[in-house]
Amino acid sequence: MNTKVTIAGVEFQNPIMEASGTFGSGMEYSEFVDLNSLGAVVTKGVANVPWPGNPTPRIAEVRSGMLNAIGLQNPGVEVFCERDLKFLEQFENTKVLVNVCGHSAEEYIEVVERLANEPRVDMLEINISCPNVKEGGIAFGQDPKAVEEITRLVKSHAKQPIVMKLSPNVTDIKVMAKAAEAGGADAISLINTLTGMKIDVERQSFVLANKTGGMSGPAVHPIAVRMVYECANSVKIPIIGMGGISTWEDAIEMMLAGATAVSVGTANFYNPTATTDILAGMIDYLERKKINDINSIVGIVK
């Protein structure tokens, strides 16, 4: 049985990876999960300089999911290269996707150029849900012109293939997918979190210090499947699907909708072995259905 998938010329031993921000860089989960068994490790967001993140509290449970307003806290690209990439060198079977964040085009480019000659970096996932400080704080991913421009700019400086991570907080996700494709993206990943809010009725105050946060978890899965399906039928580049995947059924569903690979996010918080559990379930499914190549199920539901 073939479980290998290929995205932009990069071959993954299977389509399972974890979503950025839910797994660190793998170090924290390595005592629970054999990282060599994953298709890829997707790192937490990396910026050009250390980001302190948002004030606390910045995580809250909600029905069938969670809200987070971490604010992309990270130690910066230099620490990341010296510590995290060095740790990941030992997992030869597993690809590494580095999630890149920035407040301006210049910040993205600085990180992309710093990572250009790092042999352990196989792909770059560009987080365009970041607020563009030069455009009044609107996220890069909420304006199709900005999506196309930042994609083209990053692509011109990157040595690795680039995956543009799309925000679902838009009127039409297909427009953003087409903009990323037009800008030269090698692939897209979606969905990032949906903007949500929670209020404590007893204290009559916001639960998160940031007031709003990114909603993730099982509750967003049907929305993610719909958006992946729409994008798969609108662009020709591969898709990494994510959003509320917590079971093997969720992962298979995402691939049937058109995703070449899938990322597991919030499920890692309550089940540290979610990624490998889901992979095992997917393999059982393929065996039961007598499917010899996992690629044969991608996007077959029309």
Protein backbone atom coordinates (compact mmCIF):
# COMPACT_ATOMS: atom_id res chain seq x y z
CA MET A 1 0.00 0.00 0.00
CA ASN A 2 1.30 3.44 -0.91
CA THR A 3 0.81 6.15 1.71
CA LYS A 4 3.31 8.57 0.18
CA VAL A 5 2.11 11.94 -1.09
CA THR A 6 3.99 14.60 -3.01
CA ILE A 7 3.56 18.37 -2.70
CA ALA A 8 5.61 20.71 -4.88
CA GLY A 9 8.19 18.01 -5.54
CA VAL A 10 8.61 17.17 -1.84
CA GLU A 11 7.70 13.56 -1.00
CA PHE A 12 6.11 12.80 2.36
CA GLN A 13 6.00 9.25 3.69
CA ASN A 14 2.34 9.78 4.61
CA PRO A 15 -0.14 12.70 4.52
CA ILE A 16 -0.20 13.32 8.30
CA MET A 17 1.34 16.43 9.84
CA GLU A 18 0.34 18.64 12.73
CA ALA A 19 -0.91 22.20 12.60
CA SER A 20 1.43 25.04 13.43
CA GLY A 21 1.21 26.26 17.00
CA THR A 22 -0.16 23.01 18.43
CA PHE A 23 3.03 20.95 18.57
CA GLY A 24 5.91 23.32 19.26
CA SER A 25 8.65 22.08 16.95
CA GLY A 26 8.04 18.49 17.96
CA MET A 27 10.37 18.47 20.95
CA GLU A 28 7.53 18.73 23.46
CA TYR A 29 5.64 15.82 21.90
CA SER A 30 8.57 13.53 21.08
CA GLU A 31 8.10 11.48 24.27
CA PHE A 32 4.54 10.66 23.17
CA VAL A 33 4.88 10.45 19.39
CA ASP A 34 7.55 8.87 17.21
CA LEU A 35 8.24 11.90 15.05
CA ASN A 36 9.82 9.62 12.45
CA SER A 37 6.36 8.19 11.78
CA LEU A 38 4.82 11.52 10.68
CA GLY A 39 4.76 12.85 7.16
CA ALA A 40 6.01 16.19 8.44
CA VAL A 41 6.53 18.33 11.49
CA VAL A 42 5.10 21.82 11.07
CA THR A 43 6.79 24.25 13.42
CA LYS A 44 5.27 27.00 15.50
CA GLY A 45 5.36 30.42 13.84
CA VAL A 46 8.86 31.87 13.46
CA ALA A 47 9.49 35.62 13.22
CA ASN A 48 12.60 37.65 12.45
CA VAL A 49 12.94 38.69 16.11
CA PRO A 50 11.46 37.33 19.37
CA TRP A 51 7.75 38.05 19.81
CA PRO A 52 6.39 38.18 23.39
CA GLY A 53 2.83 37.33 22.36
CA ASN A 54 -0.38 38.64 23.89
CA PRO A 55 -1.13 39.21 27.59
CA THR A 56 -2.76 36.41 29.56
CA PRO A 57 -5.25 34.82 29.82
CA ARG A 58 -4.97 33.78 26.22
CA ILE A 59 -6.57 30.32 25.96
CA ALA A 60 -10.17 29.37 26.71
CA GLU A 61 -12.19 26.21 26.22
CA VAL A 62 -15.47 26.52 24.35
CA ARG A 63 -18.01 23.93 23.25
CA SER A 64 -16.33 21.48 20.86
CA GLY A 65 -13.19 23.55 20.62
CA MET A 66 -11.01 26.28 22.02
CA LEU A 67 -10.12 29.92 21.59
CA ASN A 68 -6.53 31.07 21.56
CA ALA A 69 -4.94 34.50 21.44
CA ILE A 70 -1.31 33.47 21.93
CA GLY A 71 -0.15 36.20 19.58
CA LEU A 72 2.45 34.01 17.85
CA GLN A 73 4.86 34.13 20.76
CA ASN A 74 8.23 32.79 19.59
CA PRO A 75 11.94 33.22 20.34
CA GLY A 76 12.87 34.44 16.87
CA VAL A 77 14.56 32.80 13.90
CA GLU A 78 18.09 32.66 15.31
CA VAL A 79 17.11 30.66 18.40
CA PHE A 80 14.85 28.53 16.22
CA CYS A 81 17.72 27.59 13.90
CA GLU A 82 20.16 26.87 16.71
CA ARG A 83 17.74 24.90 18.92
CA ASP A 84 14.71 23.58 17.05
CA LEU A 85 16.21 22.76 13.68
CA LYS A 86 19.14 21.07 15.37
CA PHE A 87 16.72 18.90 17.36
CA LEU A 88 14.83 17.94 14.18
CA GLU A 89 17.99 16.72 12.43
CA GLN A 90 17.61 13.29 14.04
CA PHE A 91 14.26 12.55 12.35
CA GLU A 92 15.40 11.73 8.85
CA ASN A 93 12.12 10.23 7.63
CA THR A 94 10.06 13.29 8.46
CA LYS A 95 9.90 16.50 6.46
CA VAL A 96 10.00 19.90 8.16
CA LEU A 97 7.67 22.76 7.30
CA VAL A 98 8.59 26.03 8.97
CA ASN A 99 5.69 28.38 9.64
CA VAL A 100 6.78 31.97 8.97
CA CYS A 101 5.07 35.03 10.44
CA GLY A 102 5.61 38.77 10.16
CA HIS A 103 4.01 42.20 10.54
CA SER A 104 5.39 43.49 7.25
CA ALA A 105 6.74 42.17 3.97
CA GLU A 106 10.25 43.00 5.15
CA GLU A 107 9.84 40.83 8.25
CA TYR A 108 8.68 37.85 6.22
CA ILE A 109 11.58 38.23 3.80
CA GLU A 110 14.13 38.41 6.60
CA VAL A 111 13.00 35.03 7.95
CA VAL A 112 12.70 33.44 4.51
CA GLU A 113 16.22 34.52 3.56
CA ARG A 114 17.64 33.31 6.89
CA LEU A 115 16.10 29.87 6.30
CA ALA A 116 17.05 29.66 2.62
CA ASN A 117 20.21 27.61 3.16
CA GLU A 118 19.06 25.52 6.13
CA PRO A 119 19.17 21.92 4.84
CA ARG A 120 16.61 20.69 7.40
CA VAL A 121 13.90 23.03 6.09
CA ASP A 122 11.91 21.29 3.35
CA MET A 123 9.07 23.80 2.89
CA LEU A 124 7.88 27.13 4.22
CA GLU A 125 4.32 27.73 5.39
CA ILE A 126 3.59 31.44 5.24
CA ASN A 127 1.11 32.60 7.88
CA ILE A 128 -0.79 35.43 6.22
CA SER A 129 -3.25 35.80 9.09
CA CYS A 130 -0.74 38.18 10.64
CA PRO A 131 -1.78 41.86 10.93
CA ASN A 132 -0.13 44.04 8.30
CA VAL A 133 1.08 47.01 10.35
CA LYS A 134 1.61 49.12 7.24
CA GLU A 135 -2.02 48.69 6.20
CA GLY A 136 -3.70 49.62 9.46
CA GLY A 137 -3.55 46.13 10.98
CA ILE A 138 -5.69 44.28 8.44
CA ALA A 139 -4.43 40.73 7.98
CA PHE A 140 -2.46 40.07 4.79
CA GLY A 141 -4.82 37.18 4.09
CA GLN A 142 -7.99 39.28 4.06
CA ASP A 143 -7.15 41.24 0.90
CA PRO A 144 -6.62 39.29 -2.35
CA LYS A 145 -4.21 41.91 -3.70
CA ALA A 146 -2.13 41.63 -0.54
CA VAL A 147 -2.24 37.83 -0.75
CA GLU A 148 -0.93 37.86 -4.30
CA GLU A 149 1.73 40.48 -3.54
CA ILE A 150 3.12 38.84 -0.40
CA THR A 151 3.08 35.45 -2.14
CA ARG A 152 5.02 36.76 -5.12
CA LEU A 153 7.49 38.58 -2.88
CA VAL A 154 8.15 35.60 -0.61
CA LYS A 155 8.44 33.28 -3.61
CA SER A 156 11.09 35.52 -5.14
CA HIS A 157 13.26 35.21 -2.02
CA ALA A 158 12.57 31.60 -1.00
CA LYS A 159 14.71 28.63 -1.95
CA GLN A 160 12.22 26.11 -0.57
CA PRO A 161 8.66 25.60 -1.90
CA ILE A 162 6.12 27.87 -0.22
CA VAL A 163 2.71 27.01 1.20
CA MET A 164 0.40 29.95 1.80
CA LYS A 165 -1.77 29.43 4.89
CA LEU A 166 -5.18 30.96 4.25
CA SER A 167 -7.45 32.67 6.74
CA PRO A 168 -11.13 31.62 6.77
CA ASN A 169 -12.13 35.10 7.98
CA VAL A 170 -12.97 36.26 4.48
CA THR A 171 -16.07 36.57 2.29
CA ASP A 172 -14.88 34.11 -0.36
CA ILE A 173 -11.99 31.71 0.33
CA LYS A 174 -11.78 30.81 -3.38
CA VAL A 175 -10.70 34.36 -4.22
CA MET A 176 -7.82 34.13 -1.73
CA ALA A 177 -6.77 30.72 -3.03
CA LYS A 178 -6.69 32.02 -6.60
CA ALA A 179 -4.69 35.07 -5.46
CA ALA A 180 -2.09 32.83 -3.80
CA GLU A 181 -1.89 30.68 -6.93
CA ALA A 182 -1.50 33.78 -9.10
CA GLY A 183 1.34 34.94 -6.85
CA GLY A 184 3.22 31.71 -7.47
CA ALA A 185 2.40 29.66 -4.37
CA ASP A 186 3.47 26.03 -4.61
CA ALA A 187 0.58 24.95 -2.37
CA ILE A 188 -1.97 26.34 0.06
CA SER A 189 -3.00 25.24 3.54
CA LEU A 190 -6.36 25.92 5.15
CA ILE A 191 -8.10 26.75 7.32
CA ASN A 192 -6.48 28.88 9.94
CA THR A 193 -8.64 29.73 12.97
CA LEU A 194 -11.98 31.55 12.87
CA THR A 195 -12.27 34.71 14.94
CA GLY A 196 -14.36 34.15 18.07
CA MET A 197 -15.12 35.60 21.50
CA LYS A 198 -16.13 34.33 24.94
CA ILE A 199 -17.59 36.36 27.80
CA ASP A 200 -17.70 35.22 31.44
CA VAL A 201 -21.30 35.89 32.46
CA GLU A 202 -20.58 35.83 36.21
CA ARG A 203 -17.66 38.21 36.04
CA GLN A 204 -19.26 40.07 33.13
CA SER A 205 -15.93 40.40 31.40
CA PHE A 206 -14.03 38.94 28.48
CA VAL A 207 -12.42 35.56 29.12
CA LEU A 208 -9.42 36.40 26.91
CA ALA A 209 -7.29 39.46 27.63
CA ASN A 210 -7.23 40.08 23.88
CA LYS A 211 -11.09 39.98 23.84
CA THR A 212 -11.09 37.91 20.62
CA GLY A 213 -9.24 34.74 19.77
CA GLY A 214 -8.89 32.09 17.11
CA MET A 215 -11.54 29.38 17.27
CA SER A 216 -10.36 25.86 16.49
CA GLY A 217 -11.41 22.29 17.23
CA PRO A 218 -14.14 19.87 16.08
CA ALA A 219 -16.78 22.61 15.79
CA VAL A 220 -14.99 24.23 12.83
CA HIS A 221 -14.46 20.99 10.88
CA PRO A 222 -17.52 21.20 8.59
CA ILE A 223 -16.54 24.76 7.66
CA ALA A 224 -12.99 23.64 6.90
CA VAL A 225 -14.18 20.75 4.73
CA ARG A 226 -16.39 23.10 2.73
CA MET A 227 -13.56 25.59 2.21
CA VAL A 228 -11.05 22.91 1.22
CA TYR A 229 -13.57 21.53 -1.28
CA GLU A 230 -14.19 24.98 -2.77
CA CYS A 231 -10.47 25.70 -3.12
CA ALA A 232 -9.69 22.26 -4.55
CA ASN A 233 -12.19 22.97 -7.30
CA SER A 234 -10.83 26.46 -7.94
CA VAL A 235 -7.03 26.06 -8.09
CA LYS A 236 -4.57 23.55 -9.51
CA ILE A 237 -1.99 23.66 -6.72
CA PRO A 238 -2.04 21.09 -3.88
CA ILE A 239 -3.88 21.70 -0.60
CA ILE A 240 -2.97 20.81 2.97
CA GLY A 241 -6.30 20.58 4.78
CA MET A 242 -6.84 21.33 8.44
CA GLY A 243 -9.54 22.46 10.81
CA GLY A 244 -11.02 20.34 13.57
CA ILE A 245 -9.45 17.04 12.49
CA SER A 246 -9.66 14.76 15.55
CA THR A 247 -10.40 11.32 14.06
CA TRP A 248 -9.30 9.28 11.06
CA GLU A 249 -12.75 9.85 9.57
CA ASP A 250 -12.14 13.61 9.67
CA ALA A 251 -8.81 13.18 7.89
CA ILE A 252 -10.23 10.91 5.18
CA GLU A 253 -13.14 13.32 4.72
CA MET A 254 -10.71 16.18 4.17
CA MET A 255 -8.81 14.21 1.54
CA LEU A 256 -12.02 13.19 -0.23
CA ALA A 257 -12.83 16.91 -0.40
CA GLY A 258 -9.53 17.60 -2.16
CA ALA A 259 -6.67 17.81 0.34
CA THR A 260 -3.42 16.05 -0.58
CA ALA A 261 -2.29 16.08 3.05
CA VAL A 262 -3.86 16.96 6.40
CA SER A 263 -2.80 18.72 9.58
CA VAL A 264 -3.99 17.82 13.08
CA GLY A 265 -4.22 20.75 15.48
CA THR A 266 -6.37 21.15 18.58
CA ALA A 267 -6.68 17.37 19.04
CA ASN A 268 -3.01 17.31 20.11
CA PHE A 269 -3.90 19.22 23.27
CA TYR A 270 -6.20 16.55 24.67
CA ASN A 271 -4.69 13.53 22.92
CA PRO A 272 -0.90 13.75 22.51
CA THR A 273 -0.91 10.73 20.18
CA ALA A 274 -3.70 12.09 17.96
CA THR A 275 -1.48 12.24 14.85
CA THR A 276 -0.36 8.60 14.98
CA ASP A 277 -3.81 7.39 16.09
CA ILE A 278 -5.36 9.09 13.06
CA LEU A 279 -2.71 7.68 10.72
CA ALA A 280 -3.37 4.15 12.00
CA GLY A 281 -7.11 4.60 11.42
CA MET A 282 -6.52 5.87 7.90
CA ILE A 283 -4.37 2.86 7.03
CA ASP A 284 -7.05 0.51 8.40
CA TYR A 285 -9.61 2.31 6.21
CA LEU A 286 -7.47 1.89 3.10
CA GLU A 287 -6.98 -1.81 3.82
CA ARG A 288 -10.69 -2.34 4.44
CA LYS A 289 -11.61 -0.54 1.23
CA LYS A 290 -8.81 -2.34 -0.67
CA ILE A 291 -7.32 0.98 -1.74
CA ASN A 292 -3.67 0.54 -2.78
CA ASP A 293 -2.73 4.21 -3.15
CA ILE A 294 -3.93 6.94 -0.78
CA ASN A 295 -3.61 9.51 -3.57
CA SER A 296 -6.49 7.83 -5.38
CA ILE A 297 -9.01 9.20 -2.87
CA VAL A 298 -7.95 12.85 -3.14
CA GLY A 299 -10.80 15.02 -4.35
CA ILE A 300 -12.93 12.16 -5.68
CA VAL A 301 -16.14 13.48 -4.12
CA LYS A 302 -17.54 15.97 -6.61
